[in-house]
């Protein structure tokens, strides 16, 4: 079984990971510290069997996350929390959560529930396999129609953008998916004849529109936009730190020479280098990052 754990507490994530691995229940395929970093397509791509998610988290809580992914996620969902409000628990179950684990974490309870859910999932898959076999036997005499294989056409700019994010040292950051989605949006806008980069707010909205199902409540949309902006800001800050580190190691490094000037302002890079050397500490580094310049540079670099 492949597990994905979502909890804003690193300690809880570590405890759950240890229990799963020590009891040979499966493997930890991914973790996140907030629901805003979890999407159904990501879970499907990683072939997650069981999602363990906290109820209360700062940006997008467990209820909101489950509400968004449940229609598209094919695995099982288990919720954990210290909160035992009947209304919240009832809502969680109505959205597709099949078990509820209370905090503080009790190993015996966790093992019992995870084994039960794993057995249920395996049974359902066995029944599905049997149904497929019966269907095949029923129709074996019929002429088999040639299967159609559809290949998703990937926008070349996405592959190029992914390579650039890898060179910037941020391919593993949660905001890289947002940045790649923005590249696709900018590419489509240019194909439609729009040359100027839209305001960041419009780009964030378009990214979220692609992910949320139609008719999502306005408050959910606003919260997702804010969470996306925070992911992008954190990711760009990590890129700045990576580039500054390259500059400290080798000022003539080609990546440093190229990306430090095109993606960032010189003063930002210089301040980050001084900060890494311990010569200064700028608490406003996050807020002074020029996100629009970074996105424009990423798009131009990916195009070329």
C-alpha atoms as a PDB file:
ATOM      1  CA  UNK A   1       0.000   0.000   0.000  1.00  0.00           C
ATOM      2  CA  UNK A   2       1.145   3.521  -0.777  1.00  0.00           C
ATOM      3  CA  UNK A   3       0.377   6.165   1.844  1.00  0.00           C
ATOM      4  CA  UNK A   4       0.293   9.957   1.641  1.00  0.00           C
ATOM      5  CA  UNK A   5       0.301  11.862   4.947  1.00  0.00           C
ATOM      6  CA  UNK A   6      -0.958  15.436   5.339  1.00  0.00           C
ATOM      7  CA  UNK A   7      -0.458  17.159   8.700  1.00  0.00           C
ATOM      8  CA  UNK A   8       0.994  20.534   9.694  1.00  0.00           C
ATOM      9  CA  UNK A   9       2.921  18.810  12.494  1.00  0.00           C
ATOM     10  CA  UNK A  10       6.215  17.259  11.392  1.00  0.00           C
ATOM     11  CA  UNK A  11       6.167  15.190  14.591  1.00  0.00           C
ATOM     12  CA  UNK A  12       2.812  13.614  13.748  1.00  0.00           C
ATOM     13  CA  UNK A  13       3.922  12.885  10.193  1.00  0.00           C
ATOM     14  CA  UNK A  14       7.063  11.216  11.508  1.00  0.00           C
ATOM     15  CA  UNK A  15       5.098   9.138  14.048  1.00  0.00           C
ATOM     16  CA  UNK A  16       2.673   7.896  11.408  1.00  0.00           C
ATOM     17  CA  UNK A  17       5.504   7.126   8.989  1.00  0.00           C
ATOM     18  CA  UNK A  18       7.344   5.130  11.637  1.00  0.00           C
ATOM     19  CA  UNK A  19       4.240   3.129  12.543  1.00  0.00           C
ATOM     20  CA  UNK A  20       3.505   2.299   8.890  1.00  0.00           C
ATOM     21  CA  UNK A  21       7.073   1.241   8.166  1.00  0.00           C
ATOM     22  CA  UNK A  22       7.661  -0.646  11.428  1.00  0.00           C
ATOM     23  CA  UNK A  23       4.444  -2.624  11.017  1.00  0.00           C
ATOM     24  CA  UNK A  24       5.168  -3.300   7.308  1.00  0.00           C
ATOM     25  CA  UNK A  25       1.844  -1.768   6.326  1.00  0.00           C
ATOM     26  CA  UNK A  26       3.215  -0.142   3.184  1.00  0.00           C
ATOM     27  CA  UNK A  27       5.394   2.714   1.984  1.00  0.00           C
ATOM     28  CA  UNK A  28       5.209   6.475   2.446  1.00  0.00           C
ATOM     29  CA  UNK A  29       4.918   7.829  -1.089  1.00  0.00           C
ATOM     30  CA  UNK A  30       4.515  11.475  -0.089  1.00  0.00           C
ATOM     31  CA  UNK A  31       3.915  14.036   2.641  1.00  0.00           C
ATOM     32  CA  UNK A  32       2.523  17.572   2.870  1.00  0.00           C
ATOM     33  CA  UNK A  33       2.179  20.071   5.692  1.00  0.00           C
ATOM     34  CA  UNK A  34      -1.055  21.616   4.459  1.00  0.00           C
ATOM     35  CA  UNK A  35      -4.117  20.659   2.444  1.00  0.00           C
ATOM     36  CA  UNK A  36      -3.347  23.401  -0.066  1.00  0.00           C
ATOM     37  CA  UNK A  37      -0.472  21.217  -1.315  1.00  0.00           C
ATOM     38  CA  UNK A  38      -2.710  18.215  -2.055  1.00  0.00           C
ATOM     39  CA  UNK A  39      -4.540  17.644  -5.343  1.00  0.00           C
ATOM     40  CA  UNK A  40      -6.230  14.570  -6.789  1.00  0.00           C
ATOM     41  CA  UNK A  41      -4.042  14.505  -9.902  1.00  0.00           C
ATOM     42  CA  UNK A  42      -0.902  14.448  -7.743  1.00  0.00           C
ATOM     43  CA  UNK A  43      -2.261  11.560  -5.670  1.00  0.00           C
ATOM     44  CA  UNK A  44      -3.262   9.604  -8.775  1.00  0.00           C
ATOM     45  CA  UNK A  45       0.104  10.194 -10.406  1.00  0.00           C
ATOM     46  CA  UNK A  46       1.823   8.765  -7.329  1.00  0.00           C
ATOM     47  CA  UNK A  47      -0.733   5.901  -7.226  1.00  0.00           C
ATOM     48  CA  UNK A  48      -1.670   6.639  -3.612  1.00  0.00           C
ATOM     49  CA  UNK A  49      -3.831   3.975  -2.005  1.00  0.00           C
ATOM     50  CA  UNK A  50      -4.538   5.614   1.354  1.00  0.00           C
ATOM     51  CA  UNK A  51      -4.565   9.318   2.215  1.00  0.00           C
ATOM     52  CA  UNK A  52      -4.165  10.200   5.903  1.00  0.00           C
ATOM     53  CA  UNK A  53      -5.119  13.837   6.460  1.00  0.00           C
ATOM     54  CA  UNK A  54      -5.398  16.132   9.469  1.00  0.00           C
ATOM     55  CA  UNK A  55      -8.646  17.978  10.087  1.00  0.00           C
ATOM     56  CA  UNK A  56      -7.239  21.331  11.205  1.00  0.00           C
ATOM     57  CA  UNK A  57      -4.509  23.011   9.129  1.00  0.00           C
ATOM     58  CA  UNK A  58      -3.642  26.691   8.628  1.00  0.00           C
ATOM     59  CA  UNK A  59      -4.356  27.314   4.932  1.00  0.00           C
ATOM     60  CA  UNK A  60      -6.740  24.616   3.732  1.00  0.00           C
ATOM     61  CA  UNK A  61      -8.145  22.244   6.323  1.00  0.00           C
ATOM     62  CA  UNK A  62      -8.918  18.571   5.920  1.00  0.00           C
ATOM     63  CA  UNK A  63     -12.647  19.038   5.285  1.00  0.00           C
ATOM     64  CA  UNK A  64     -12.068  21.521   2.450  1.00  0.00           C
ATOM     65  CA  UNK A  65      -9.336  19.359   0.946  1.00  0.00           C
ATOM     66  CA  UNK A  66     -11.436  16.196   1.021  1.00  0.00           C
ATOM     67  CA  UNK A  67     -14.381  18.084  -0.461  1.00  0.00           C
ATOM     68  CA  UNK A  68     -12.229  19.046  -3.458  1.00  0.00           C
ATOM     69  CA  UNK A  69     -10.400  15.768  -4.101  1.00  0.00           C
ATOM     70  CA  UNK A  70     -12.989  13.132  -3.110  1.00  0.00           C
ATOM     71  CA  UNK A  71     -14.824  13.124  -6.477  1.00  0.00           C
ATOM     72  CA  UNK A  72     -11.560  12.395  -8.299  1.00  0.00           C
ATOM     73  CA  UNK A  73      -9.425  10.425  -5.814  1.00  0.00           C
ATOM     74  CA  UNK A  74      -9.731   6.641  -6.145  1.00  0.00           C
ATOM     75  CA  UNK A  75      -8.082   5.630  -2.881  1.00  0.00           C
ATOM     76  CA  UNK A  76      -9.270   5.612   0.729  1.00  0.00           C
ATOM     77  CA  UNK A  77      -9.237   8.640   3.049  1.00  0.00           C
ATOM     78  CA  UNK A  78      -8.574   8.549   6.795  1.00  0.00           C
ATOM     79  CA  UNK A  79      -8.864  11.713   8.885  1.00  0.00           C
ATOM     80  CA  UNK A  80      -6.967  12.500  12.102  1.00  0.00           C
ATOM     81  CA  UNK A  81      -7.593  15.267  14.627  1.00  0.00           C
ATOM     82  CA  UNK A  82      -7.841  16.266  18.264  1.00  0.00           C
ATOM     83  CA  UNK A  83     -11.237  17.784  17.510  1.00  0.00           C
ATOM     84  CA  UNK A  84     -14.134  15.413  18.189  1.00  0.00           C
ATOM     85  CA  UNK A  85     -17.044  17.666  17.228  1.00  0.00           C
ATOM     86  CA  UNK A  86     -19.855  15.443  15.968  1.00  0.00           C
ATOM     87  CA  UNK A  87     -20.846  17.850  13.207  1.00  0.00           C
ATOM     88  CA  UNK A  88     -17.316  17.961  11.767  1.00  0.00           C
ATOM     89  CA  UNK A  89     -16.856  14.221  12.035  1.00  0.00           C
ATOM     90  CA  UNK A  90     -20.244  13.677  10.407  1.00  0.00           C
ATOM     91  CA  UNK A  91     -19.354  16.017   7.557  1.00  0.00           C
ATOM     92  CA  UNK A  92     -16.045  14.211   7.066  1.00  0.00           C
ATOM     93  CA  UNK A  93     -17.802  10.858   6.734  1.00  0.00           C
ATOM     94  CA  UNK A  94     -20.383  12.314   4.347  1.00  0.00           C
ATOM     95  CA  UNK A  95     -17.583  13.523   2.065  1.00  0.00           C
ATOM     96  CA  UNK A  96     -15.994  10.096   1.753  1.00  0.00           C
ATOM     97  CA  UNK A  97     -13.740   9.715   4.795  1.00  0.00           C
ATOM     98  CA  UNK A  98     -13.995   6.093   5.920  1.00  0.00           C
ATOM     99  CA  UNK A  99     -12.235   6.253   9.306  1.00  0.00           C
ATOM    100  CA  UNK A 100     -11.389   8.845  11.934  1.00  0.00           C
ATOM    101  CA  UNK A 101      -8.287   8.642  14.170  1.00  0.00           C
ATOM    102  CA  UNK A 102      -8.147  10.793  17.299  1.00  0.00           C
ATOM    103  CA  UNK A 103      -5.041  12.559  18.579  1.00  0.00           C
ATOM    104  CA  UNK A 104      -2.823  12.021  20.460  1.00  0.00           C
ATOM    105  CA  UNK A 105      -1.748   9.199  18.174  1.00  0.00           C
ATOM    106  CA  UNK A 106      -2.246   5.721  19.611  1.00  0.00           C
ATOM    107  CA  UNK A 107      -0.163   3.112  17.778  1.00  0.00           C
ATOM    108  CA  UNK A 108      -2.558   0.230  18.378  1.00  0.00           C
ATOM    109  CA  UNK A 109      -5.495   2.242  17.054  1.00  0.00           C
ATOM    110  CA  UNK A 110      -3.545   3.393  13.999  1.00  0.00           C
ATOM    111  CA  UNK A 111      -2.337  -0.130  13.150  1.00  0.00           C
ATOM    112  CA  UNK A 112      -5.823  -1.594  13.593  1.00  0.00           C
ATOM    113  CA  UNK A 113      -7.477   0.998  11.359  1.00  0.00           C
ATOM    114  CA  UNK A 114      -4.811   0.936   8.652  1.00  0.00           C
ATOM    115  CA  UNK A 115      -4.921  -2.857   8.452  1.00  0.00           C
ATOM    116  CA  UNK A 116      -8.703  -2.771   8.220  1.00  0.00           C
ATOM    117  CA  UNK A 117      -8.655  -0.161   5.442  1.00  0.00           C
ATOM    118  CA  UNK A 118      -5.909  -2.013   3.556  1.00  0.00           C
ATOM    119  CA  UNK A 119      -7.891  -5.258   3.725  1.00  0.00           C
ATOM    120  CA  UNK A 120     -11.016  -3.470   2.503  1.00  0.00           C
ATOM    121  CA  UNK A 121      -9.149  -1.919  -0.402  1.00  0.00           C
ATOM    122  CA  UNK A 122      -7.599  -5.245  -1.413  1.00  0.00           C
ATOM    123  CA  UNK A 123     -10.996  -6.947  -1.246  1.00  0.00           C
ATOM    124  CA  UNK A 124     -12.587  -4.295  -3.442  1.00  0.00           C
ATOM    125  CA  UNK A 125      -9.792  -4.644  -5.987  1.00  0.00           C
ATOM    126  CA  UNK A 126     -10.124  -8.434  -5.988  1.00  0.00           C
ATOM    127  CA  UNK A 127     -13.860  -8.115  -6.663  1.00  0.00           C
ATOM    128  CA  UNK A 128     -13.141  -5.678  -9.469  1.00  0.00           C
ATOM    129  CA  UNK A 129     -10.670  -8.123 -11.027  1.00  0.00           C
ATOM    130  CA  UNK A 130     -13.257 -10.912 -10.806  1.00  0.00           C
ATOM    131  CA  UNK A 131     -15.881  -8.734 -12.493  1.00  0.00           C
ATOM    132  CA  UNK A 132     -13.454  -7.919 -15.284  1.00  0.00           C
ATOM    133  CA  UNK A 133     -12.667 -11.606 -15.764  1.00  0.00           C
ATOM    134  CA  UNK A 134     -16.368 -12.495 -15.920  1.00  0.00           C
ATOM    135  CA  UNK A 135     -16.976  -9.710 -18.378  1.00  0.00           C
ATOM    136  CA  UNK A 136     -14.150 -10.990 -20.561  1.00  0.00           C
ATOM    137  CA  UNK A 137     -15.486 -14.566 -20.486  1.00  0.00           C
ATOM    138  CA  UNK A 138     -18.981 -13.365 -21.361  1.00  0.00           C
ATOM    139  CA  UNK A 139     -17.735 -11.500 -24.392  1.00  0.00           C
ATOM    140  CA  UNK A 140     -14.876 -13.774 -25.467  1.00  0.00           C
ATOM    141  CA  UNK A 141     -16.731 -14.913 -28.578  1.00  0.00           C
ATOM    142  CA  UNK A 142     -17.311 -11.401 -29.799  1.00  0.00           C
ATOM    143  CA  UNK A 143     -14.836  -9.840 -32.139  1.00  0.00           C
ATOM    144  CA  UNK A 144     -12.463  -7.731 -30.174  1.00  0.00           C
ATOM    145  CA  UNK A 145     -12.431  -4.155 -31.307  1.00  0.00           C
ATOM    146  CA  UNK A 146      -9.048  -2.506 -31.604  1.00  0.00           C
ATOM    147  CA  UNK A 147      -8.243  -0.448 -28.543  1.00  0.00           C
ATOM    148  CA  UNK A 148      -7.799   3.240 -28.873  1.00  0.00           C
ATOM    149  CA  UNK A 149      -4.815   4.731 -27.177  1.00  0.00           C
ATOM    150  CA  UNK A 150      -4.944   8.388 -26.419  1.00  0.00           C
ATOM    151  CA  UNK A 151      -1.766  10.211 -25.643  1.00  0.00           C
ATOM    152  CA  UNK A 152      -1.906  13.452 -23.761  1.00  0.00           C
ATOM    153  CA  UNK A 153      -0.122  16.086 -25.768  1.00  0.00           C
ATOM    154  CA  UNK A 154       2.152  17.869 -23.344  1.00  0.00           C
ATOM    155  CA  UNK A 155       2.860  21.507 -23.996  1.00  0.00           C
ATOM    156  CA  UNK A 156       6.609  21.635 -24.800  1.00  0.00           C
ATOM    157  CA  UNK A 157       6.966  24.712 -22.627  1.00  0.00           C
ATOM    158  CA  UNK A 158       6.044  22.611 -19.584  1.00  0.00           C
ATOM    159  CA  UNK A 159       8.916  20.191 -20.143  1.00  0.00           C
ATOM    160  CA  UNK A 160      11.272  23.098 -20.720  1.00  0.00           C
ATOM    161  CA  UNK A 161       9.975  24.880 -17.627  1.00  0.00           C
ATOM    162  CA  UNK A 162      10.393  21.752 -15.534  1.00  0.00           C
ATOM    163  CA  UNK A 163      14.061  21.539 -16.573  1.00  0.00           C
ATOM    164  CA  UNK A 164      14.619  25.162 -15.590  1.00  0.00           C
ATOM    165  CA  UNK A 165      12.966  24.646 -12.198  1.00  0.00           C
ATOM    166  CA  UNK A 166      15.249  21.668 -11.713  1.00  0.00           C
ATOM    167  CA  UNK A 167      18.302  23.844 -12.426  1.00  0.00           C
ATOM    168  CA  UNK A 168      16.962  26.433  -9.999  1.00  0.00           C
ATOM    169  CA  UNK A 169      16.833  23.725  -7.348  1.00  0.00           C
ATOM    170  CA  UNK A 170      13.076  23.913  -6.752  1.00  0.00           C
ATOM    171  CA  UNK A 171      11.602  21.004  -8.720  1.00  0.00           C
ATOM    172  CA  UNK A 172      10.593  19.339  -5.457  1.00  0.00           C
ATOM    173  CA  UNK A 173       8.924  22.416  -3.958  1.00  0.00           C
ATOM    174  CA  UNK A 174       5.130  22.506  -3.635  1.00  0.00           C
ATOM    175  CA  UNK A 175       4.864  25.691  -5.722  1.00  0.00           C
ATOM    176  CA  UNK A 176       6.492  24.217  -8.830  1.00  0.00           C
ATOM    177  CA  UNK A 177       3.130  22.847 -10.045  1.00  0.00           C
ATOM    178  CA  UNK A 178       1.624  26.335  -9.750  1.00  0.00           C
ATOM    179  CA  UNK A 179       4.502  27.826 -11.740  1.00  0.00           C
ATOM    180  CA  UNK A 180       4.175  25.183 -14.471  1.00  0.00           C
ATOM    181  CA  UNK A 181       0.434  25.823 -14.685  1.00  0.00           C
ATOM    182  CA  UNK A 182       1.166  29.525 -15.093  1.00  0.00           C
ATOM    183  CA  UNK A 183       3.573  28.736 -17.953  1.00  0.00           C
ATOM    184  CA  UNK A 184       0.807  26.804 -19.719  1.00  0.00           C
ATOM    185  CA  UNK A 185      -1.603  29.700 -19.211  1.00  0.00           C
ATOM    186  CA  UNK A 186       0.874  32.269 -20.554  1.00  0.00           C
ATOM    187  CA  UNK A 187       1.581  30.048 -23.562  1.00  0.00           C
ATOM    188  CA  UNK A 188      -2.130  29.761 -24.338  1.00  0.00           C
ATOM    189  CA  UNK A 189      -2.622  33.509 -23.944  1.00  0.00           C
ATOM    190  CA  UNK A 190       0.216  34.170 -26.366  1.00  0.00           C
ATOM    191  CA  UNK A 191      -1.321  31.749 -28.859  1.00  0.00           C
ATOM    192  CA  UNK A 192      -4.542  33.751 -28.506  1.00  0.00           C
ATOM    193  CA  UNK A 193      -2.663  36.947 -29.324  1.00  0.00           C
ATOM    194  CA  UNK A 194      -2.158  38.276 -25.783  1.00  0.00           C
ATOM    195  CA  UNK A 195       1.465  39.360 -25.460  1.00  0.00           C
ATOM    196  CA  UNK A 196       1.495  41.203 -22.135  1.00  0.00           C
ATOM    197  CA  UNK A 197       1.764  39.323 -18.856  1.00  0.00           C
ATOM    198  CA  UNK A 198      -1.566  39.606 -16.987  1.00  0.00           C
ATOM    199  CA  UNK A 199      -1.653  40.839 -13.375  1.00  0.00           C
ATOM    200  CA  UNK A 200      -0.533  38.187 -10.894  1.00  0.00           C
ATOM    201  CA  UNK A 201      -4.006  38.070  -9.348  1.00  0.00           C
ATOM    202  CA  UNK A 202      -5.486  37.056 -12.713  1.00  0.00           C
ATOM    203  CA  UNK A 203      -2.850  34.345 -13.187  1.00  0.00           C
ATOM    204  CA  UNK A 204      -3.493  32.917  -9.714  1.00  0.00           C
ATOM    205  CA  UNK A 205      -7.229  32.840 -10.430  1.00  0.00           C
ATOM    206  CA  UNK A 206      -6.728  31.013 -13.729  1.00  0.00           C
ATOM    207  CA  UNK A 207      -4.522  28.401 -12.033  1.00  0.00           C
ATOM    208  CA  UNK A 208      -7.145  27.712  -9.368  1.00  0.00           C
ATOM    209  CA  UNK A 209      -9.955  27.627 -11.948  1.00  0.00           C
ATOM    210  CA  UNK A 210      -8.129  24.719 -13.597  1.00  0.00           C
ATOM    211  CA  UNK A 211      -8.057  22.753 -10.344  1.00  0.00           C
ATOM    212  CA  UNK A 212     -11.354  23.401  -8.627  1.00  0.00           C
ATOM    213  CA  UNK A 213     -14.569  21.930  -9.943  1.00  0.00           C
ATOM    214  CA  UNK A 214     -17.152  24.394 -11.322  1.00  0.00           C
ATOM    215  CA  UNK A 215     -19.403  25.932  -8.717  1.00  0.00           C
ATOM    216  CA  UNK A 216     -16.863  25.938  -5.885  1.00  0.00           C
ATOM    217  CA  UNK A 217     -17.862  28.417  -3.155  1.00  0.00           C
ATOM    218  CA  UNK A 218     -16.222  31.875  -3.541  1.00  0.00           C
ATOM    219  CA  UNK A 219     -14.612  31.597  -0.097  1.00  0.00           C
ATOM    220  CA  UNK A 220     -12.952  28.342  -1.127  1.00  0.00           C
ATOM    221  CA  UNK A 221     -11.675  29.920  -4.340  1.00  0.00           C
ATOM    222  CA  UNK A 222     -10.270  32.921  -2.458  1.00  0.00           C
ATOM    223  CA  UNK A 223      -8.570  30.700   0.085  1.00  0.00           C
ATOM    224  CA  UNK A 224      -7.047  28.540  -2.659  1.00  0.00           C
ATOM    225  CA  UNK A 225      -5.739  31.617  -4.491  1.00  0.00           C
ATOM    226  CA  UNK A 226      -4.096  32.865  -1.305  1.00  0.00           C
ATOM    227  CA  UNK A 227      -2.577  29.447  -0.623  1.00  0.00           C
ATOM    228  CA  UNK A 228      -1.263  29.261  -4.195  1.00  0.00           C
ATOM    229  CA  UNK A 229       0.345  32.676  -3.889  1.00  0.00           C
ATOM    230  CA  UNK A 230       2.070  31.585  -0.674  1.00  0.00           C
ATOM    231  CA  UNK A 231       3.343  28.391  -2.303  1.00  0.00           C
ATOM    232  CA  UNK A 232       4.767  30.344  -5.230  1.00  0.00           C
ATOM    233  CA  UNK A 233       6.407  32.915  -2.963  1.00  0.00           C
ATOM    234  CA  UNK A 234       8.046  30.207  -0.826  1.00  0.00           C
ATOM    235  CA  UNK A 235       9.235  28.360  -3.912  1.00  0.00           C
ATOM    236  CA  UNK A 236      10.765  31.464  -5.498  1.00  0.00           C
ATOM    237  CA  UNK A 237      12.492  32.239  -2.221  1.00  0.00           C
ATOM    238  CA  UNK A 238      14.014  28.744  -2.302  1.00  0.00           C
ATOM    239  CA  UNK A 239      15.220  29.436  -5.843  1.00  0.00           C
ATOM    240  CA  UNK A 240      16.815  32.676  -4.667  1.00  0.00           C
ATOM    241  CA  UNK A 241      18.581  30.830  -1.862  1.00  0.00           C
ATOM    242  CA  UNK A 242      19.803  28.148  -4.269  1.00  0.00           C
ATOM    243  CA  UNK A 243      21.188  30.681  -6.748  1.00  0.00           C
ATOM    244  CA  UNK A 244      22.838  32.674  -3.967  1.00  0.00           C
ATOM    245  CA  UNK A 245      24.463  29.477  -2.697  1.00  0.00           C
ATOM    246  CA  UNK A 246      25.855  28.809  -6.171  1.00  0.00           C
ATOM    247  CA  UNK A 247      27.291  32.318  -6.234  1.00  0.00           C
ATOM    248  CA  UNK A 248      29.018  31.843  -2.906  1.00  0.00           C
ATOM    249  CA  UNK A 249      30.560  28.589  -4.105  1.00  0.00           C
ATOM    250  CA  UNK A 250      31.610  29.825  -7.552  1.00  0.00           C
ATOM    251  CA  UNK A 251      30.892  33.371  -8.684  1.00  0.00           C
ATOM    252  CA  UNK A 252      31.558  32.333 -12.304  1.00  0.00           C
ATOM    253  CA  UNK A 253      29.095  29.426 -12.242  1.00  0.00           C
ATOM    254  CA  UNK A 254      27.089  29.660 -15.525  1.00  0.00           C
ATOM    255  CA  UNK A 255      23.774  29.057 -13.732  1.00  0.00           C
ATOM    256  CA  UNK A 256      24.550  31.825 -11.257  1.00  0.00           C
ATOM    257  CA  UNK A 257      25.570  34.248 -13.996  1.00  0.00           C
ATOM    258  CA  UNK A 258      22.461  33.529 -16.050  1.00  0.00           C
ATOM    259  CA  UNK A 259      19.715  33.144 -13.482  1.00  0.00           C
ATOM    260  CA  UNK A 260      20.847  35.634 -10.831  1.00  0.00           C
ATOM    261  CA  UNK A 261      20.430  38.564 -13.216  1.00  0.00           C
ATOM    262  CA  UNK A 262      17.460  37.401 -15.279  1.00  0.00           C
ATOM    263  CA  UNK A 263      15.255  35.975 -12.508  1.00  0.00           C
ATOM    264  CA  UNK A 264      16.107  38.304  -9.619  1.00  0.00           C
ATOM    265  CA  UNK A 265      17.256  41.825  -8.825  1.00  0.00           C
ATOM    266  CA  UNK A 266      20.953  42.079  -8.053  1.00  0.00           C
ATOM    267  CA  UNK A 267      20.294  43.594  -4.617  1.00  0.00           C
ATOM    268  CA  UNK A 268      18.109  40.609  -3.671  1.00  0.00           C
ATOM    269  CA  UNK A 269      20.776  38.106  -4.646  1.00  0.00           C
ATOM    270  CA  UNK A 270      23.506  40.088  -2.894  1.00  0.00           C
ATOM    271  CA  UNK A 271      21.497  40.394   0.322  1.00  0.00           C
ATOM    272  CA  UNK A 272      20.736  36.668   0.287  1.00  0.00           C
ATOM    273  CA  UNK A 273      24.433  35.871  -0.211  1.00  0.00           C
ATOM    274  CA  UNK A 274      25.334  38.066   2.759  1.00  0.00           C
ATOM    275  CA  UNK A 275      22.587  36.413   4.798  1.00  0.00           C
ATOM    276  CA  UNK A 276      23.912  32.932   3.956  1.00  0.00           C
ATOM    277  CA  UNK A 277      27.373  34.065   5.018  1.00  0.00           C
ATOM    278  CA  UNK A 278      25.922  35.195   8.331  1.00  0.00           C
ATOM    279  CA  UNK A 279      26.825  38.829   7.723  1.00  0.00           C
ATOM    280  CA  UNK A 280      23.264  40.112   7.775  1.00  0.00           C
ATOM    281  CA  UNK A 281      19.725  38.930   8.306  1.00  0.00           C
ATOM    282  CA  UNK A 282      16.883  40.453   6.330  1.00  0.00           C
ATOM    283  CA  UNK A 283      13.484  39.423   7.658  1.00  0.00           C
ATOM    284  CA  UNK A 284      11.770  41.043   4.679  1.00  0.00           C
ATOM    285  CA  UNK A 285      13.408  38.882   2.050  1.00  0.00           C
ATOM    286  CA  UNK A 286      10.143  37.032   1.371  1.00  0.00           C
ATOM    287  CA  UNK A 287       8.089  40.169   0.784  1.00  0.00           C
ATOM    288  CA  UNK A 288      10.648  41.872  -1.458  1.00  0.00           C
ATOM    289  CA  UNK A 289      10.837  39.098  -4.023  1.00  0.00           C
ATOM    290  CA  UNK A 290       9.633  40.284  -7.433  1.00  0.00           C
ATOM    291  CA  UNK A 291       7.285  37.431  -8.342  1.00  0.00           C
ATOM    292  CA  UNK A 292       6.201  38.922 -11.649  1.00  0.00           C
ATOM    293  CA  UNK A 293       9.796  39.344 -12.834  1.00  0.00           C
ATOM    294  CA  UNK A 294      10.533  35.733 -11.899  1.00  0.00           C
ATOM    295  CA  UNK A 295       7.483  34.443 -13.809  1.00  0.00           C
ATOM    296  CA  UNK A 296       8.288  36.551 -16.879  1.00  0.00           C
ATOM    297  CA  UNK A 297      11.898  35.344 -16.849  1.00  0.00           C
ATOM    298  CA  UNK A 298      10.786  31.723 -16.416  1.00  0.00           C
ATOM    299  CA  UNK A 299       8.427  32.010 -19.366  1.00  0.00           C
ATOM    300  CA  UNK A 300      10.990  33.638 -21.662  1.00  0.00           C
ATOM    301  CA  UNK A 301      13.636  31.107 -20.655  1.00  0.00           C
ATOM    302  CA  UNK A 302      11.246  28.179 -21.201  1.00  0.00           C
ATOM    303  CA  UNK A 303      10.263  29.491 -24.614  1.00  0.00           C
ATOM    304  CA  UNK A 304      13.864  29.764 -25.741  1.00  0.00           C
END
